[in-house]
Amino acid sequence: GREFSINERSKGCKWFFSFLIFTEFRKTRSENILFLLDEPASNL
């Protein structure tokens, strides 16, 4: 039941949060968005 800022979590957690925020949610803006991802998850 404790609450922590996202920034207090691990690098992997922050990366995954950012990845889905800026892809999974972003794709709702319009159809057939072209995502150009340069070495995604290279820090994992």
PDB file of all heavy atoms in Angstrom:
ATOM      1  N   GLY A   1       0.793  -1.225   0.000  1.00  0.00           N
ATOM      2  CA  GLY A   1       0.000   0.000   0.000  1.00  0.00           C
ATOM      3  C   GLY A   1       0.822   1.270   0.000  1.00  0.00           C
ATOM      4  O   GLY A   1       0.262   2.367   0.026  1.00  0.00           O
ATOM      5  N   ARG A   2       2.143   1.154  -0.022  1.00  0.00           N
ATOM      6  CA  ARG A   2       2.997   2.351  -0.052  1.00  0.00           C
ATOM      7  C   ARG A   2       3.076   2.887  -1.480  1.00  0.00           C
ATOM      8  O   ARG A   2       2.998   2.144  -2.449  1.00  0.00           O
ATOM      9  CB  ARG A   2       4.388   2.011   0.469  1.00  0.00           C
ATOM     10  CG  ARG A   2       4.404   1.499   1.894  1.00  0.00           C
ATOM     11  CD  ARG A   2       5.810   1.104   2.307  1.00  0.00           C
ATOM     12  NE  ARG A   2       6.694   2.251   2.313  1.00  0.00           N
ATOM     13  CZ  ARG A   2       8.024   2.154   2.456  1.00  0.00           C
ATOM     14  NH1 ARG A   2       8.594   0.972   2.568  1.00  0.00           N
ATOM     15  NH2 ARG A   2       8.782   3.234   2.485  1.00  0.00           N
ATOM     16  N   GLU A   3       3.215   4.207  -1.584  1.00  0.00           N
ATOM     17  CA  GLU A   3       3.277   4.849  -2.898  1.00  0.00           C
ATOM     18  C   GLU A   3       4.633   5.511  -3.103  1.00  0.00           C
ATOM     19  O   GLU A   3       5.147   6.195  -2.220  1.00  0.00           O
ATOM     20  CB  GLU A   3       2.156   5.878  -3.044  1.00  0.00           C
ATOM     21  CG  GLU A   3       0.759   5.261  -3.093  1.00  0.00           C
ATOM     22  CD  GLU A   3      -0.340   6.292  -3.221  1.00  0.00           C
ATOM     23  OE1 GLU A   3      -0.024   7.499  -3.121  1.00  0.00           O
ATOM     24  OE2 GLU A   3      -1.507   5.900  -3.410  1.00  0.00           O
ATOM     25  N   PHE A   4       5.215   5.270  -4.284  1.00  0.00           N
ATOM     26  CA  PHE A   4       6.500   5.845  -4.638  1.00  0.00           C
ATOM     27  C   PHE A   4       6.390   6.546  -5.981  1.00  0.00           C
ATOM     28  O   PHE A   4       5.622   6.140  -6.857  1.00  0.00           O
ATOM     29  CB  PHE A   4       7.575   4.753  -4.740  1.00  0.00           C
ATOM     30  CG  PHE A   4       7.906   4.072  -3.451  1.00  0.00           C
ATOM     31  CD1 PHE A   4       7.194   2.954  -3.047  1.00  0.00           C
ATOM     32  CD2 PHE A   4       8.925   4.541  -2.638  1.00  0.00           C
ATOM     33  CE1 PHE A   4       7.493   2.303  -1.860  1.00  0.00           C
ATOM     34  CE2 PHE A   4       9.235   3.907  -1.448  1.00  0.00           C
ATOM     35  CZ  PHE A   4       8.526   2.778  -1.049  1.00  0.00           C
ATOM     36  N   SER A   5       7.190   7.591  -6.155  1.00  0.00           N
ATOM     37  CA  SER A   5       7.269   8.242  -7.455  1.00  0.00           C
ATOM     38  C   SER A   5       7.871   7.267  -8.451  1.00  0.00           C
ATOM     39  O   SER A   5       8.704   6.422  -8.100  1.00  0.00           O
ATOM     40  CB  SER A   5       8.146   9.497  -7.357  1.00  0.00           C
ATOM     41  OG  SER A   5       8.463   9.983  -8.645  1.00  0.00           O
ATOM     42  N   ILE A   6       7.459   7.377  -9.712  1.00  0.00           N
ATOM     43  CA  ILE A   6       8.051   6.553 -10.766  1.00  0.00           C
ATOM     44  C   ILE A   6       9.569   6.739 -10.780  1.00  0.00           C
ATOM     45  O   ILE A   6      10.329   5.793 -11.011  1.00  0.00           O
ATOM     46  CB  ILE A   6       7.461   6.919 -12.143  1.00  0.00           C
ATOM     47  CG1 ILE A   6       6.018   6.442 -12.255  1.00  0.00           C
ATOM     48  CG2 ILE A   6       8.295   6.331 -13.276  1.00  0.00           C
ATOM     49  CD1 ILE A   6       5.861   4.945 -12.403  1.00  0.00           C
ATOM     50  N   ASN A   7      10.017   7.950 -10.524  1.00  0.00           N
ATOM     51  CA  ASN A   7      11.452   8.236 -10.548  1.00  0.00           C
ATOM     52  C   ASN A   7      12.218   7.542  -9.430  1.00  0.00           C
ATOM     53  O   ASN A   7      13.453   7.504  -9.457  1.00  0.00           O
ATOM     54  CB  ASN A   7      11.702   9.743 -10.492  1.00  0.00           C
ATOM     55  CG  ASN A   7      11.370  10.424 -11.810  1.00  0.00           C
ATOM     56  OD1 ASN A   7      11.687   9.905 -12.873  1.00  0.00           O
ATOM     57  ND2 ASN A   7      10.709  11.566 -11.750  1.00  0.00           N
ATOM     58  N   GLU A   8      11.522   7.007  -8.429  1.00  0.00           N
ATOM     59  CA  GLU A   8      12.177   6.283  -7.347  1.00  0.00           C
ATOM     60  C   GLU A   8      12.296   4.789  -7.649  1.00  0.00           C
ATOM     61  O   GLU A   8      12.866   4.048  -6.862  1.00  0.00           O
ATOM     62  CB  GLU A   8      11.404   6.475  -6.041  1.00  0.00           C
ATOM     63  CG  GLU A   8      11.360   7.909  -5.539  1.00  0.00           C
ATOM     64  CD  GLU A   8      10.552   8.045  -4.256  1.00  0.00           C
ATOM     65  OE1 GLU A   8      11.152   7.918  -3.171  1.00  0.00           O
ATOM     66  OE2 GLU A   8       9.330   8.262  -4.353  1.00  0.00           O
ATOM     67  N   ARG A   9      11.759   4.356  -8.769  1.00  0.00           N
ATOM     68  CA  ARG A   9      11.830   2.942  -9.137  1.00  0.00           C
ATOM     69  C   ARG A   9      13.124   2.671  -9.926  1.00  0.00           C
ATOM     70  O   ARG A   9      13.896   3.560 -10.232  1.00  0.00           O
ATOM     71  CB  ARG A   9      10.610   2.559  -9.979  1.00  0.00           C
ATOM     72  CG  ARG A   9       9.274   2.724  -9.262  1.00  0.00           C
ATOM     73  CD  ARG A   9       9.080   1.684  -8.149  1.00  0.00           C
ATOM     74  NE  ARG A   9       9.691   2.049  -6.873  1.00  0.00           N
ATOM     75  CZ  ARG A   9       9.784   1.248  -5.834  1.00  0.00           C
ATOM     76  NH1 ARG A   9       9.339   0.004  -5.907  1.00  0.00           N
ATOM     77  NH2 ARG A   9      10.329   1.677  -4.721  1.00  0.00           N
ATOM     78  N   SER A  10      13.311   1.416 -10.302  1.00  0.00           N
ATOM     79  CA  SER A  10      14.531   1.003 -11.002  1.00  0.00           C
ATOM     80  C   SER A  10      14.584   1.603 -12.400  1.00  0.00           C
ATOM     81  O   SER A  10      13.575   2.047 -12.955  1.00  0.00           O
ATOM     82  CB  SER A  10      14.585  -0.519 -11.097  1.00  0.00           C
ATOM     83  OG  SER A  10      13.562  -0.990 -11.966  1.00  0.00           O
ATOM     84  N   LYS A  11      15.790   1.582 -12.982  1.00  0.00           N
ATOM     85  CA  LYS A  11      15.954   2.072 -14.350  1.00  0.00           C
ATOM     86  C   LYS A  11      15.088   1.275 -15.320  1.00  0.00           C
ATOM     87  O   LYS A  11      14.478   1.824 -16.230  1.00  0.00           O
ATOM     88  CB  LYS A  11      17.419   1.986 -14.779  1.00  0.00           C
ATOM     89  CG  LYS A  11      17.666   2.455 -16.212  1.00  0.00           C
ATOM     90  CD  LYS A  11      19.110   2.265 -16.632  1.00  0.00           C
ATOM     91  CE  LYS A  11      20.005   3.290 -15.962  1.00  0.00           C
ATOM     92  NZ  LYS A  11      21.383   3.229 -16.522  1.00  0.00           N
ATOM     93  N   GLY A  12      15.022  -0.047 -15.110  1.00  0.00           N
ATOM     94  CA  GLY A  12      14.205  -0.886 -15.980  1.00  0.00           C
ATOM     95  C   GLY A  12      12.736  -0.523 -15.902  1.00  0.00           C
ATOM     96  O   GLY A  12      12.040  -0.493 -16.916  1.00  0.00           O
ATOM     97  N   CYS A  13      12.265  -0.254 -14.691  1.00  0.00           N
ATOM     98  CA  CYS A  13      10.864   0.127 -14.499  1.00  0.00           C
ATOM     99  C   CYS A  13      10.578   1.455 -15.184  1.00  0.00           C
ATOM    100  O   CYS A  13       9.569   1.601 -15.882  1.00  0.00           O
ATOM    101  CB  CYS A  13      10.552   0.213 -13.007  1.00  0.00           C
ATOM    102  SG  CYS A  13       8.855   0.735 -12.648  1.00  0.00           S
ATOM    103  N   LYS A  14      11.465   2.437 -15.018  1.00  0.00           N
ATOM    104  CA  LYS A  14      11.278   3.750 -15.638  1.00  0.00           C
ATOM    105  C   LYS A  14      11.326   3.641 -17.164  1.00  0.00           C
ATOM    106  O   LYS A  14      10.547   4.285 -17.867  1.00  0.00           O
ATOM    107  CB  LYS A  14      12.345   4.734 -15.139  1.00  0.00           C
ATOM    108  CG  LYS A  14      12.173   5.132 -13.683  1.00  0.00           C
ATOM    109  CD  LYS A  14      13.121   6.256 -13.291  1.00  0.00           C
ATOM    110  CE  LYS A  14      14.544   5.747 -13.226  1.00  0.00           C
ATOM    111  NZ  LYS A  14      15.478   6.800 -12.733  1.00  0.00           N
ATOM    112  N   TRP A  15      12.244   2.805 -17.669  1.00  0.00           N
ATOM    113  CA  TRP A  15      12.345   2.630 -19.114  1.00  0.00           C
ATOM    114  C   TRP A  15      11.057   2.034 -19.661  1.00  0.00           C
ATOM    115  O   TRP A  15      10.511   2.514 -20.658  1.00  0.00           O
ATOM    116  CB  TRP A  15      13.522   1.718 -19.455  1.00  0.00           C
ATOM    117  CG  TRP A  15      13.697   1.561 -20.943  1.00  0.00           C
ATOM    118  CD1 TRP A  15      14.501   2.301 -21.750  1.00  0.00           C
ATOM    119  CD2 TRP A  15      12.998   0.643 -21.797  1.00  0.00           C
ATOM    120  NE1 TRP A  15      14.356   1.898 -23.065  1.00  0.00           N
ATOM    121  CE2 TRP A  15      13.443   0.876 -23.121  1.00  0.00           C
ATOM    122  CE3 TRP A  15      12.055  -0.357 -21.582  1.00  0.00           C
ATOM    123  CZ2 TRP A  15      12.975   0.156 -24.211  1.00  0.00           C
ATOM    124  CZ3 TRP A  15      11.578  -1.084 -22.667  1.00  0.00           C
ATOM    125  CH2 TRP A  15      12.042  -0.822 -23.969  1.00  0.00           C
ATOM    126  N   PHE A  16      10.569   0.991 -19.018  1.00  0.00           N
ATOM    127  CA  PHE A  16       9.374   0.307 -19.512  1.00  0.00           C
ATOM    128  C   PHE A  16       8.160   1.228 -19.446  1.00  0.00           C
ATOM    129  O   PHE A  16       7.327   1.248 -20.352  1.00  0.00           O
ATOM    130  CB  PHE A  16       9.134  -0.962 -18.695  1.00  0.00           C
ATOM    131  CG  PHE A  16       8.165  -1.912 -19.327  1.00  0.00           C
ATOM    132  CD1 PHE A  16       8.520  -2.643 -20.451  1.00  0.00           C
ATOM    133  CD2 PHE A  16       6.892  -2.075 -18.821  1.00  0.00           C
ATOM    134  CE1 PHE A  16       7.632  -3.527 -21.046  1.00  0.00           C
ATOM    135  CE2 PHE A  16       5.993  -2.951 -19.401  1.00  0.00           C
ATOM    136  CZ  PHE A  16       6.361  -3.676 -20.516  1.00  0.00           C
ATOM    137  N   PHE A  17       8.051   2.002 -18.370  1.00  0.00           N
ATOM    138  CA  PHE A  17       6.969   2.977 -18.226  1.00  0.00           C
ATOM    139  C   PHE A  17       7.011   3.979 -19.376  1.00  0.00           C
ATOM    140  O   PHE A  17       6.001   4.229 -20.048  1.00  0.00           O
ATOM    141  CB  PHE A  17       7.097   3.697 -16.876  1.00  0.00           C
ATOM    142  CG  PHE A  17       6.057   4.754 -16.636  1.00  0.00           C
ATOM    143  CD1 PHE A  17       4.791   4.421 -16.166  1.00  0.00           C
ATOM    144  CD2 PHE A  17       6.341   6.088 -16.873  1.00  0.00           C
ATOM    145  CE1 PHE A  17       3.830   5.396 -15.945  1.00  0.00           C
ATOM    146  CE2 PHE A  17       5.391   7.075 -16.651  1.00  0.00           C
ATOM    147  CZ  PHE A  17       4.133   6.725 -16.188  1.00  0.00           C
ATOM    148  N   SER A  18       8.185   4.542 -19.648  1.00  0.00           N
ATOM    149  CA  SER A  18       8.329   5.524 -20.711  1.00  0.00           C
ATOM    150  C   SER A  18       8.045   4.914 -22.077  1.00  0.00           C
ATOM    151  O   SER A  18       7.376   5.517 -22.922  1.00  0.00           O
ATOM    152  CB  SER A  18       9.748   6.113 -20.707  1.00  0.00           C
ATOM    153  OG  SER A  18      10.018   6.785 -19.503  1.00  0.00           O
ATOM    154  N   PHE A  19       8.556   3.692 -22.281  1.00  0.00           N
ATOM    155  CA  PHE A  19       8.365   3.021 -23.566  1.00  0.00           C
ATOM    156  C   PHE A  19       6.889   2.876 -23.904  1.00  0.00           C
ATOM    157  O   PHE A  19       6.449   3.218 -25.013  1.00  0.00           O
ATOM    158  CB  PHE A  19       9.041   1.647 -23.535  1.00  0.00           C
ATOM    159  CG  PHE A  19       8.785   0.825 -24.767  1.00  0.00           C
ATOM    160  CD1 PHE A  19       9.490   1.079 -25.940  1.00  0.00           C
ATOM    161  CD2 PHE A  19       7.852  -0.194 -24.764  1.00  0.00           C
ATOM    162  CE1 PHE A  19       9.264   0.331 -27.085  1.00  0.00           C
ATOM    163  CE2 PHE A  19       7.617  -0.946 -25.901  1.00  0.00           C
ATOM    164  CZ  PHE A  19       8.324  -0.683 -27.065  1.00  0.00           C
ATOM    165  N   LEU A  20       6.091   2.388 -22.956  1.00  0.00           N
ATOM    166  CA  LEU A  20       4.670   2.178 -23.238  1.00  0.00           C
ATOM    167  C   LEU A  20       3.890   3.494 -23.268  1.00  0.00           C
ATOM    168  O   LEU A  20       2.946   3.635 -24.041  1.00  0.00           O
ATOM    169  CB  LEU A  20       4.065   1.230 -22.206  1.00  0.00           C
ATOM    170  CG  LEU A  20       4.522  -0.233 -22.332  1.00  0.00           C
ATOM    171  CD1 LEU A  20       3.814  -1.105 -21.312  1.00  0.00           C
ATOM    172  CD2 LEU A  20       4.264  -0.772 -23.728  1.00  0.00           C
ATOM    173  N   ILE A  21       4.282   4.446 -22.435  1.00  0.00           N
ATOM    174  CA  ILE A  21       3.627   5.760 -22.460  1.00  0.00           C
ATOM    175  C   ILE A  21       3.761   6.384 -23.850  1.00  0.00           C
ATOM    176  O   ILE A  21       2.817   6.953 -24.404  1.00  0.00           O
ATOM    177  CB  ILE A  21       4.227   6.695 -21.391  1.00  0.00           C
ATOM    178  CG1 ILE A  21       3.665   6.368 -20.014  1.00  0.00           C
ATOM    179  CG2 ILE A  21       3.988   8.167 -21.741  1.00  0.00           C
ATOM    180  CD1 ILE A  21       2.216   6.771 -19.804  1.00  0.00           C
ATOM    181  N   PHE A  22       4.970   6.294 -24.441  1.00  0.00           N
ATOM    182  CA  PHE A  22       5.235   6.980 -25.695  1.00  0.00           C
ATOM    183  C   PHE A  22       5.047   6.100 -26.929  1.00  0.00           C
ATOM    184  O   PHE A  22       5.348   6.517 -28.044  1.00  0.00           O
ATOM    185  CB  PHE A  22       6.646   7.568 -25.687  1.00  0.00           C
ATOM    186  CG  PHE A  22       6.765   8.793 -24.822  1.00  0.00           C
ATOM    187  CD1 PHE A  22       7.196   8.701 -23.516  1.00  0.00           C
ATOM    188  CD2 PHE A  22       6.395  10.034 -25.312  1.00  0.00           C
ATOM    189  CE1 PHE A  22       7.287   9.821 -22.711  1.00  0.00           C
ATOM    190  CE2 PHE A  22       6.477  11.159 -24.521  1.00  0.00           C
ATOM    191  CZ  PHE A  22       6.924  11.059 -23.210  1.00  0.00           C
ATOM    192  N   THR A  23       4.542   4.878 -26.732  1.00  0.00           N
ATOM    193  CA  THR A  23       4.208   4.031 -27.881  1.00  0.00           C
ATOM    194  C   THR A  23       2.771   3.536 -27.772  1.00  0.00           C
ATOM    195  O   THR A  23       1.912   3.894 -28.566  1.00  0.00           O
ATOM    196  CB  THR A  23       5.170   2.842 -28.005  1.00  0.00           C
ATOM    197  OG1 THR A  23       5.166   2.077 -26.791  1.00  0.00           O
ATOM    198  CG2 THR A  23       6.573   3.310 -28.314  1.00  0.00           C
ATOM    199  N   GLU A  24       2.499   2.704 -26.778  1.00  0.00           N
ATOM    200  CA  GLU A  24       1.193   2.073 -26.633  1.00  0.00           C
ATOM    201  C   GLU A  24       0.076   3.109 -26.521  1.00  0.00           C
ATOM    202  O   GLU A  24      -0.993   2.962 -27.127  1.00  0.00           O
ATOM    203  CB  GLU A  24       1.185   1.158 -25.412  1.00  0.00           C
ATOM    204  CG  GLU A  24      -0.110   0.402 -25.202  1.00  0.00           C
ATOM    205  CD  GLU A  24      -0.390  -0.605 -26.298  1.00  0.00           C
ATOM    206  OE1 GLU A  24       0.567  -1.082 -26.932  1.00  0.00           O
ATOM    207  OE2 GLU A  24      -1.579  -0.903 -26.536  1.00  0.00           O
ATOM    208  N   PHE A  25       0.310   4.177 -25.754  1.00  0.00           N
ATOM    209  CA  PHE A  25      -0.719   5.209 -25.618  1.00  0.00           C
ATOM    210  C   PHE A  25      -0.674   6.201 -26.777  1.00  0.00           C
ATOM    211  O   PHE A  25      -1.696   6.707 -27.215  1.00  0.00           O
ATOM    212  CB  PHE A  25      -0.576   5.938 -24.282  1.00  0.00           C
ATOM    213  CG  PHE A  25      -0.980   5.102 -23.093  1.00  0.00           C
ATOM    214  CD1 PHE A  25      -0.033   4.500 -22.292  1.00  0.00           C
ATOM    215  CD2 PHE A  25      -2.317   4.891 -22.799  1.00  0.00           C
ATOM    216  CE1 PHE A  25      -0.402   3.715 -21.212  1.00  0.00           C
ATOM    217  CE2 PHE A  25      -2.706   4.106 -21.725  1.00  0.00           C
ATOM    218  CZ  PHE A  25      -1.739   3.513 -20.925  1.00  0.00           C
ATOM    219  N   ARG A  26       0.510   6.483 -27.285  1.00  0.00           N
ATOM    220  CA  ARG A  26       0.645   7.461 -28.356  1.00  0.00           C
ATOM    221  C   ARG A  26      -0.038   7.008 -29.646  1.00  0.00           C
ATOM    222  O   ARG A  26      -0.527   7.828 -30.427  1.00  0.00           O
ATOM    223  CB  ARG A  26       2.141   7.713 -28.622  1.00  0.00           C
ATOM    224  CG  ARG A  26       2.444   8.764 -29.682  1.00  0.00           C
ATOM    225  CD  ARG A  26       2.029  10.142 -29.229  1.00  0.00           C
ATOM    226  NE  ARG A  26       2.737  10.577 -28.065  1.00  0.00           N
ATOM    227  CZ  ARG A  26       3.916  11.210 -28.074  1.00  0.00           C
ATOM    228  NH1 ARG A  26       4.515  11.464 -29.219  1.00  0.00           N
ATOM    229  NH2 ARG A  26       4.479  11.593 -26.944  1.00  0.00           N
ATOM    230  N   LYS A  27      -0.096   5.691 -29.871  1.00  0.00           N
ATOM    231  CA  LYS A  27      -0.645   5.198 -31.131  1.00  0.00           C
ATOM    232  C   LYS A  27      -2.139   5.477 -31.275  1.00  0.00           C
ATOM    233  O   LYS A  27      -2.694   5.336 -32.359  1.00  0.00           O
ATOM    234  CB  LYS A  27      -0.381   3.700 -31.278  1.00  0.00           C
ATOM    235  CG  LYS A  27      -1.192   2.812 -30.346  1.00  0.00           C
ATOM    236  CD  LYS A  27      -0.769   1.356 -30.474  1.00  0.00           C
ATOM    237  CE  LYS A  27      -1.618   0.444 -29.604  1.00  0.00           C
ATOM    238  NZ  LYS A  27      -1.148  -0.947 -29.639  1.00  0.00           N
ATOM    239  N   THR A  28      -2.792   5.912 -30.186  1.00  0.00           N
ATOM    240  CA  THR A  28      -4.220   6.221 -30.268  1.00  0.00           C
ATOM    241  C   THR A  28      -4.482   7.557 -30.974  1.00  0.00           C
ATOM    242  O   THR A  28      -5.617   7.844 -31.329  1.00  0.00           O
ATOM    243  CB  THR A  28      -4.857   6.269 -28.863  1.00  0.00           C
ATOM    244  OG1 THR A  28      -4.245   7.320 -28.086  1.00  0.00           O
ATOM    245  CG2 THR A  28      -4.667   4.939 -28.138  1.00  0.00           C
ATOM    246  N   ARG A  29      -3.449   8.356 -31.172  1.00  0.00           N
ATOM    247  CA  ARG A  29      -3.657   9.676 -31.774  1.00  0.00           C
ATOM    248  C   ARG A  29      -4.102   9.590 -33.230  1.00  0.00           C
ATOM    249  O   ARG A  29      -4.921  10.364 -33.693  1.00  0.00           O
ATOM    250  CB  ARG A  29      -2.372  10.503 -31.692  1.00  0.00           C
ATOM    251  CG  ARG A  29      -2.001  10.925 -30.283  1.00  0.00           C
ATOM    252  CD  ARG A  29      -0.869  11.914 -30.294  1.00  0.00           C
ATOM    253  NE  ARG A  29      -0.340  12.133 -28.945  1.00  0.00           N
ATOM    254  CZ  ARG A  29       0.686  12.914 -28.684  1.00  0.00           C
ATOM    255  NH1 ARG A  29       1.283  13.545 -29.666  1.00  0.00           N
ATOM    256  NH2 ARG A  29       1.117  13.053 -27.442  1.00  0.00           N
ATOM    257  N   SER A  30      -3.502   8.671 -33.964  1.00  0.00           N
ATOM    258  CA  SER A  30      -3.865   8.522 -35.370  1.00  0.00           C
ATOM    259  C   SER A  30      -3.493   7.121 -35.840  1.00  0.00           C
ATOM    260  O   SER A  30      -2.781   6.391 -35.147  1.00  0.00           O
ATOM    261  CB  SER A  30      -3.144   9.583 -36.232  1.00  0.00           C
ATOM    262  OG  SER A  30      -1.741   9.462 -36.094  1.00  0.00           O
ATOM    263  N   GLU A  31      -3.967   6.746 -37.037  1.00  0.00           N
ATOM    264  CA  GLU A  31      -3.725   5.408 -37.551  1.00  0.00           C
ATOM    265  C   GLU A  31      -2.368   5.313 -38.237  1.00  0.00           C
ATOM    266  O   GLU A  31      -1.860   6.273 -38.805  1.00  0.00           O
ATOM    267  CB  GLU A  31      -4.819   5.031 -38.545  1.00  0.00           C
ATOM    268  CG  GLU A  31      -6.195   4.861 -37.909  1.00  0.00           C
ATOM    269  CD  GLU A  31      -7.231   4.409 -38.921  1.00  0.00           C
ATOM    270  OE1 GLU A  31      -6.891   4.358 -40.122  1.00  0.00           O
ATOM    271  OE2 GLU A  31      -8.355   4.103 -38.502  1.00  0.00           O
ATOM    272  N   ASN A  32      -1.785   4.117 -38.187  1.00  0.00           N
ATOM    273  CA  ASN A  32      -0.554   3.792 -38.910  1.00  0.00           C
ATOM    274  C   ASN A  32       0.602   4.736 -38.615  1.00  0.00           C
ATOM    275  O   ASN A  32       1.388   5.094 -39.511  1.00  0.00           O
ATOM    276  CB  ASN A  32      -0.821   3.761 -40.425  1.00  0.00           C
ATOM    277  CG  ASN A  32      -1.725   2.614 -40.819  1.00  0.00           C
ATOM    278  OD1 ASN A  32      -1.636   1.526 -40.279  1.00  0.00           O
ATOM    279  ND2 ASN A  32      -2.632   2.859 -41.758  1.00  0.00           N
ATOM    280  N   ILE A  33       0.722   5.161 -37.370  1.00  0.00           N
ATOM    281  CA  ILE A  33       1.900   5.925 -36.977  1.00  0.00           C
ATOM    282  C   ILE A  33       3.137   5.075 -37.258  1.00  0.00           C
ATOM    283  O   ILE A  33       3.166   3.881 -36.984  1.00  0.00           O
ATOM    284  CB  ILE A  33       1.845   6.293 -35.484  1.00  0.00           C
ATOM    285  CG1 ILE A  33       0.716   7.291 -35.217  1.00  0.00           C
ATOM    286  CG2 ILE A  33       3.171   6.878 -35.007  1.00  0.00           C
ATOM    287  CD1 ILE A  33       0.556   7.647 -33.755  1.00  0.00           C
ATOM    288  N   LEU A  34       4.172   5.692 -37.812  1.00  0.00           N
ATOM    289  CA  LEU A  34       5.438   4.997 -38.034  1.00  0.00           C
ATOM    290  C   LEU A  34       6.369   5.317 -36.870  1.00  0.00           C
ATOM    291  O   LEU A  34       6.780   6.457 -36.686  1.00  0.00           O
ATOM    292  CB  LEU A  34       6.063   5.435 -39.358  1.00  0.00           C
ATOM    293  CG  LEU A  34       7.486   4.938 -39.637  1.00  0.00           C
ATOM    294  CD1 LEU A  34       7.556   3.419 -39.596  1.00  0.00           C
ATOM    295  CD2 LEU A  34       7.994   5.471 -40.973  1.00  0.00           C
ATOM    296  N   PHE A  35       6.687   4.301 -36.082  1.00  0.00           N
ATOM    297  CA  PHE A  35       7.615   4.461 -34.964  1.00  0.00           C
ATOM    298  C   PHE A  35       9.023   4.084 -35.416  1.00  0.00           C
ATOM    299  O   PHE A  35       9.244   2.991 -35.950  1.00  0.00           O
ATOM    300  CB  PHE A  35       7.205   3.564 -33.788  1.00  0.00           C
ATOM    301  CG  PHE A  35       5.993   4.028 -33.042  1.00  0.00           C
ATOM    302  CD1 PHE A  35       4.737   3.529 -33.342  1.00  0.00           C
ATOM    303  CD2 PHE A  35       6.105   4.981 -32.039  1.00  0.00           C
ATOM    304  CE1 PHE A  35       3.612   3.960 -32.655  1.00  0.00           C
ATOM    305  CE2 PHE A  35       4.985   5.420 -31.346  1.00  0.00           C
ATOM    306  CZ  PHE A  35       3.742   4.907 -31.647  1.00  0.00           C
ATOM    307  N   LEU A  36       9.959   4.988 -35.212  1.00  0.00           N
ATOM    308  CA  LEU A  36      11.372   4.740 -35.483  1.00  0.00           C
ATOM    309  C   LEU A  36      12.084   4.615 -34.144  1.00  0.00           C
ATOM    310  O   LEU A  36      12.231   5.604 -33.419  1.00  0.00           O
ATOM    311  CB  LEU A  36      11.971   5.890 -36.304  1.00  0.00           C
ATOM    312  CG  LEU A  36      11.243   6.253 -37.606  1.00  0.00           C
ATOM    313  CD1 LEU A  36      11.897   7.474 -38.246  1.00  0.00           C
ATOM    314  CD2 LEU A  36      11.221   5.084 -38.577  1.00  0.00           C
ATOM    315  N   LEU A  37      12.493   3.400 -33.803  1.00  0.00           N
ATOM    316  CA  LEU A  37      13.045   3.117 -32.483  1.00  0.00           C
ATOM    317  C   LEU A  37      14.512   2.721 -32.625  1.00  0.00           C
ATOM    318  O   LEU A  37      14.831   1.685 -33.213  1.00  0.00           O
ATOM    319  CB  LEU A  37      12.256   1.998 -31.803  1.00  0.00           C
ATOM    320  CG  LEU A  37      10.726   2.139 -31.810  1.00  0.00           C
ATOM    321  CD1 LEU A  37      10.093   0.929 -31.131  1.00  0.00           C
ATOM    322  CD2 LEU A  37      10.300   3.423 -31.137  1.00  0.00           C
ATOM    323  N   ASP A  38      15.387   3.563 -32.091  1.00  0.00           N
ATOM    324  CA  ASP A  38      16.826   3.316 -32.207  1.00  0.00           C
ATOM    325  C   ASP A  38      17.323   2.524 -31.006  1.00  0.00           C
ATOM    326  O   ASP A  38      17.434   3.048 -29.899  1.00  0.00           O
ATOM    327  CB  ASP A  38      17.568   4.643 -32.321  1.00  0.00           C
ATOM    328  CG  ASP A  38      18.987   4.465 -32.833  1.00  0.00           C
ATOM    329  OD1 ASP A  38      19.343   3.332 -33.211  1.00  0.00           O
ATOM    330  OD2 ASP A  38      19.740   5.454 -32.857  1.00  0.00           O
ATOM    331  N   GLU A  39      17.606   1.248 -31.217  1.00  0.00           N
ATOM    332  CA  GLU A  39      18.091   0.336 -30.184  1.00  0.00           C
ATOM    333  C   GLU A  39      17.235   0.378 -28.917  1.00  0.00           C
ATOM    334  O   GLU A  39      17.729   0.675 -27.826  1.00  0.00           O
ATOM    335  CB  GLU A  39      19.558   0.621 -29.857  1.00  0.00           C
ATOM    336  CG  GLU A  39      20.476   0.430 -31.052  1.00  0.00           C
ATOM    337  CD  GLU A  39      21.945   0.414 -30.669  1.00  0.00           C
ATOM    338  OE1 GLU A  39      22.258   0.099 -29.513  1.00  0.00           O
ATOM    339  OE2 GLU A  39      22.773   0.737 -31.545  1.00  0.00           O
ATOM    340  N   PRO A  40      15.944   0.085 -29.044  1.00  0.00           N
ATOM    341  CA  PRO A  40      15.093   0.066 -27.849  1.00  0.00           C
ATOM    342  C   PRO A  40      15.557  -1.002 -26.878  1.00  0.00           C
ATOM    343  O   PRO A  40      16.042  -2.058 -27.269  1.00  0.00           O
ATOM    344  CB  PRO A  40      13.701  -0.267 -28.411  1.00  0.00           C
ATOM    345  CG  PRO A  40      13.969  -0.984 -29.687  1.00  0.00           C
ATOM    346  CD  PRO A  40      15.210  -0.355 -30.248  1.00  0.00           C
ATOM    347  N   ALA A  41      15.436  -0.700 -25.592  1.00  0.00           N
ATOM    348  CA  ALA A  41      15.788  -1.629 -24.507  1.00  0.00           C
ATOM    349  C   ALA A  41      17.280  -1.882 -24.408  1.00  0.00           C
ATOM    350  O   ALA A  41      17.697  -2.834 -23.754  1.00  0.00           O
ATOM    351  CB  ALA A  41      15.036  -2.947 -24.661  1.00  0.00           C
ATOM    352  N   SER A  42      18.091  -1.034 -25.040  1.00  0.00           N
ATOM    353  CA  SER A  42      19.539  -1.265 -24.975  1.00  0.00           C
ATOM    354  C   SER A  42      20.079  -1.133 -23.557  1.00  0.00           C
ATOM    355  O   SER A  42      21.160  -1.626 -23.247  1.00  0.00           O
ATOM    356  CB  SER A  42      20.271  -0.269 -25.892  1.00  0.00           C
ATOM    357  OG  SER A  42      20.002   1.066 -25.511  1.00  0.00           O
ATOM    358  N   ASN A  43      19.309  -0.485 -22.678  1.00  0.00           N
ATOM    359  CA  ASN A  43      19.745  -0.323 -21.291  1.00  0.00           C
ATOM    360  C   ASN A  43      19.247  -1.452 -20.388  1.00  0.00           C
ATOM    361  O   ASN A  43      19.516  -1.435 -19.187  1.00  0.00           O
ATOM    362  CB  ASN A  43      19.245   1.021 -20.730  1.00  0.00           C
ATOM    363  CG  ASN A  43      19.932   2.201 -21.394  1.00  0.00           C
ATOM    364  OD1 ASN A  43      21.076   2.502 -21.121  1.00  0.00           O
ATOM    365  ND2 ASN A  43      19.224   2.854 -22.304  1.00  0.00           N
ATOM    366  N   LEU A  44      18.519  -2.405 -20.963  1.00  0.00           N
ATOM    367  CA  LEU A  44      18.012  -3.517 -20.180  1.00  0.00           C
ATOM    368  C   LEU A  44      18.894  -4.745 -20.366  1.00  0.00           C
ATOM    369  O   LEU A  44      19.674  -4.853 -21.309  1.00  0.00           O
ATOM    370  CB  LEU A  44      16.574  -3.841 -20.592  1.00  0.00           C
ATOM    371  CG  LEU A  44      15.530  -2.743 -20.400  1.00  0.00           C
ATOM    372  CD1 LEU A  44      14.165  -3.262 -20.798  1.00  0.00           C
ATOM    373  CD2 LEU A  44      15.505  -2.237 -18.975  1.00  0.00           C
TER     374      LEU A  44
END
